[in-house]
Protein backbone atom coordinates (compact mmCIF):
# COMPACT_ATOMS: atom_id res chain seq x y z
CA MET A 1 17.18 -31.08 -30.10
CA ARG A 2 16.35 -34.99 -29.56
CA PRO A 3 15.10 -37.32 -32.04
CA ALA A 4 11.12 -37.76 -31.88
CA SER A 5 11.32 -40.74 -30.61
CA SER A 6 13.05 -39.72 -28.07
CA PRO A 7 11.15 -40.45 -24.00
CA VAL A 8 11.88 -37.22 -23.13
CA PRO A 9 8.89 -35.23 -23.44
CA ALA A 10 9.38 -32.05 -25.60
CA VAL A 11 8.85 -29.47 -23.22
CA LEU A 12 11.53 -30.48 -21.07
CA THR A 13 13.57 -30.36 -23.98
CA ALA A 14 12.80 -26.86 -25.44
CA PRO A 15 15.27 -23.88 -25.43
CA ALA A 16 15.31 -22.03 -22.36
CA THR A 17 13.99 -18.92 -24.37
CA ALA A 18 10.80 -20.82 -24.74
CA VAL A 19 7.92 -18.90 -23.47
CA VAL A 20 4.92 -20.52 -22.30
CA LYS A 21 1.97 -18.61 -22.38
CA PRO A 22 -0.88 -19.06 -19.61
CA THR A 23 -4.89 -19.81 -20.99
CA PRO A 24 -6.82 -17.18 -19.22
CA PRO A 25 -9.22 -18.98 -16.78
CA HIS A 26 -11.91 -17.63 -19.42
CA ARG A 27 -10.97 -19.73 -22.30
CA ALA A 28 -9.66 -22.75 -20.09
CA LEU A 29 -13.19 -23.27 -18.72
CA HIS A 30 -14.45 -23.16 -22.17
CA ALA A 31 -11.40 -25.30 -24.05
CA ALA A 32 -11.99 -27.62 -21.62
CA GLY A 33 -15.88 -28.22 -23.08
CA SER A 34 -18.00 -26.62 -20.46
CA SER A 35 -20.91 -25.12 -21.88
CA ARG A 36 -21.77 -21.50 -22.19
CA ARG A 37 -23.96 -22.29 -18.82
CA GLU A 38 -21.33 -23.90 -17.26
CA VAL A 39 -19.11 -20.62 -17.97
CA LEU A 40 -21.73 -18.20 -17.02
CA ALA A 41 -21.91 -20.08 -13.58
CA ALA A 42 -18.60 -19.42 -12.90
CA GLY A 43 -18.75 -15.95 -13.52
CA GLY A 44 -22.04 -15.65 -10.96
CA VAL A 45 -19.38 -17.24 -8.22
CA VAL A 46 -16.50 -14.74 -9.16
CA VAL A 47 -18.89 -11.63 -9.14
CA ALA A 48 -20.38 -13.05 -5.58
CA LEU A 49 -16.64 -13.62 -3.76
CA TRP A 50 -15.58 -9.74 -5.73
CA SER A 51 -18.84 -8.58 -3.59
CA CYS A 52 -17.42 -10.20 -0.29
CA VAL A 53 -13.67 -8.09 -1.65
CA GLY A 54 -15.73 -4.76 -1.69
CA ALA A 55 -17.22 -5.61 1.68
CA ALA A 56 -13.86 -6.16 3.00
CA ARG A 57 -11.76 -3.51 1.51
CA ALA A 58 -14.61 -0.82 2.98
CA ALA A 59 -13.40 -2.40 6.72
CA SER A 60 -10.09 -1.36 5.59
CA ASP A 61 -10.88 2.04 4.25
CA GLU A 62 -12.66 2.68 8.36
CA GLU A 63 -9.05 1.27 9.54
CA TYR A 64 -7.07 3.39 7.14
CA VAL A 65 -8.76 6.67 7.57
CA SER A 66 -8.13 5.76 11.85
CA GLU A 67 -4.95 4.83 11.04
CA THR A 68 -4.09 8.16 9.13
CA LYS A 69 -5.37 10.42 11.89
CA ASP A 70 -3.23 8.41 14.50
CA VAL A 71 -0.32 9.30 12.49
CA ILE A 72 -1.19 12.72 12.27
CA GLY A 73 -1.81 13.37 15.88
CA LYS A 74 1.81 11.75 16.97
CA VAL A 75 3.75 14.18 14.19
CA ARG A 76 1.96 16.92 15.42
CA SER A 77 2.23 16.25 18.94
CA THR A 78 6.51 15.11 18.25
CA ILE A 79 7.03 17.48 16.02
CA ASN A 80 5.79 20.70 18.38
CA MET A 81 7.23 19.13 21.49
CA ASP A 82 9.98 21.20 22.86
CA ARG A 83 13.80 20.30 22.22
CA ALA A 84 14.27 20.26 26.09
CA ASP A 85 12.14 18.03 26.92
CA PRO A 86 13.69 14.61 27.55
CA GLY A 87 11.26 12.52 26.30
CA VAL A 88 11.93 14.11 22.65
CA ALA A 89 14.21 10.81 21.40
CA GLU A 90 11.99 8.65 23.09
CA ALA A 91 8.71 10.40 21.31
CA VAL A 92 10.99 10.40 18.03
CA ALA A 93 11.71 6.69 17.84
CA GLU A 94 7.97 6.16 18.22
CA LEU A 95 7.37 8.14 15.51
CA ARG A 96 9.40 6.47 13.56
CA GLU A 97 8.62 3.39 14.23
CA LEU A 98 4.68 4.45 13.73
CA SER A 99 5.58 6.14 10.66
CA ASN A 100 7.44 3.03 9.31
CA SER A 101 4.73 0.82 9.59
CA TRP A 102 1.91 2.95 8.05
CA VAL A 103 3.88 3.40 5.00
CA ALA A 104 4.71 -0.51 5.16
CA LYS A 105 1.03 -1.50 5.05
CA TYR A 106 -0.64 1.36 2.71
CA ARG A 107 2.34 1.98 0.21
CA ARG A 108 1.02 -1.53 -1.23
CA GLU A 109 -2.57 -0.49 -1.28
CA LYS A 110 -3.06 0.72 -5.28
CA SER A 111 -6.71 1.63 -4.23
CA LEU A 112 -4.96 3.91 -1.97
CA LEU A 113 -1.97 5.37 -4.13
CA GLY A 114 -4.28 8.25 -6.05
CA ARG A 115 -5.84 9.79 -2.85
CA PRO A 116 -4.78 13.01 -2.03
CA SER A 117 -4.69 12.22 1.95
CA PHE A 118 -2.34 9.25 1.24
CA ARG A 119 0.15 11.35 -0.84
CA GLU A 120 0.33 14.39 1.73
CA MET A 121 0.78 11.82 4.28
CA TYR A 122 3.64 10.39 2.17
CA SER A 123 5.13 13.12 1.53
CA ALA A 124 4.76 14.61 5.34
CA LEU A 125 6.10 11.58 6.96
CA ASN A 126 9.55 11.34 4.20
CA ALA A 127 9.76 14.68 5.70
CA VAL A 128 9.99 14.51 9.01
CA SER A 129 11.86 10.96 8.90
CA GLY A 130 14.54 12.70 6.53
CA HIS A 131 15.12 15.37 8.95
CA TYR A 132 15.38 13.36 11.78
CA ILE A 133 17.43 10.70 9.96
CA SER A 134 19.93 13.02 9.06
CA PHE A 135 19.75 15.64 12.11
CA GLY A 136 19.19 12.84 15.15
CA PRO A 137 16.30 12.81 17.00
CA THR A 138 17.07 15.92 19.14
CA ALA A 139 17.19 18.85 16.22
CA PRO A 140 14.47 20.54 16.10
CA ILE A 141 12.53 21.05 12.77
CA PRO A 142 13.18 24.09 11.27
CA ASN A 143 10.18 26.96 10.70
CA LYS A 144 9.51 27.07 6.91
CA ARG A 145 10.34 22.69 7.01
CA ARG A 146 7.59 22.28 10.01
CA ALA A 147 5.21 24.81 8.66
CA ARG A 148 5.12 22.45 4.85
CA ILE A 149 4.80 19.25 7.15
CA LEU A 150 1.79 20.95 9.31
CA GLU A 151 0.23 22.51 6.04
CA GLU A 152 0.27 18.73 4.11
CA MET A 153 -1.41 16.94 7.69
CA ASP A 154 -3.96 19.98 7.58
CA THR A 155 -4.44 18.64 3.56
CA ALA A 156 -4.43 14.86 4.33
CA GLU A 157 -6.92 15.29 7.38
CA LYS A 158 -9.35 17.77 4.93
CA ALA A 159 -9.17 15.19 2.33
CA LEU A 160 -10.07 12.52 4.98
CA LEU A 161 -13.30 13.92 6.06
CA ARG A 162 -14.16 14.24 2.38
CA GLY A 163 -13.05 10.22 1.63
CA ARG A 164 -10.20 11.13 -0.46
């Protein structure tokens, strides 16, 4: 430790294990000498901004429903293609790209994680992707796995219609 008369601030000489706890915003305003009225006015701004976030979330909810329906359609059309069809490999590549982008986009949305539609879609996409990664794009999906995937798609679609 440095002597008290050191020109280096104590914060810079503190041990690396020291933890500095940030002050919560509502206490920082009050500690800064702000009146109760000023603190409450700042809270009103937060409420106004929060209502705008809700409107943006509603638009993204419509986008989620739309994109999920698109992915459901693509999965159904791809896994029901004839094995001898020359476009199977290309369709599987498109499906993998679409499913990867869907998962990457919505996996981070905490508001969607508990929804049955998200859970079922994620499970179905995982099964489809895992199959094609393991066995190749032209390998047929076994009937039992296909039935489970289609059932998960149906469940996800029903949950979307119910807003879940």
